[in-house]
Amino acid sequence: MPELPEVEVTRRGIAPYVTGRRISAAVARERRLRWPVPAAFESLAGRVVRGVRRRGKYLLLE
């Protein structure tokens, strides 16, 4: 598990590259995650990333 500063550095690093970009595909390779993957997960394809934020050690793409 990464430490909090590492997650923040990663967020700052990827934000300029993904913000404003269109999601080409959404693939859940492993469905046994902490929470169940919603059935509508694949519908994220084609949407635009508005920003990247962090909640604890999780990165959230808006």
Foldseek 3Di string as FASTA:
>chain_A
DDAQVVLVVVQVVCFVVQAFDFAQFFDDPDQPDPDGDDPCRRVSHGDGFHTWDDDHNDIDTD
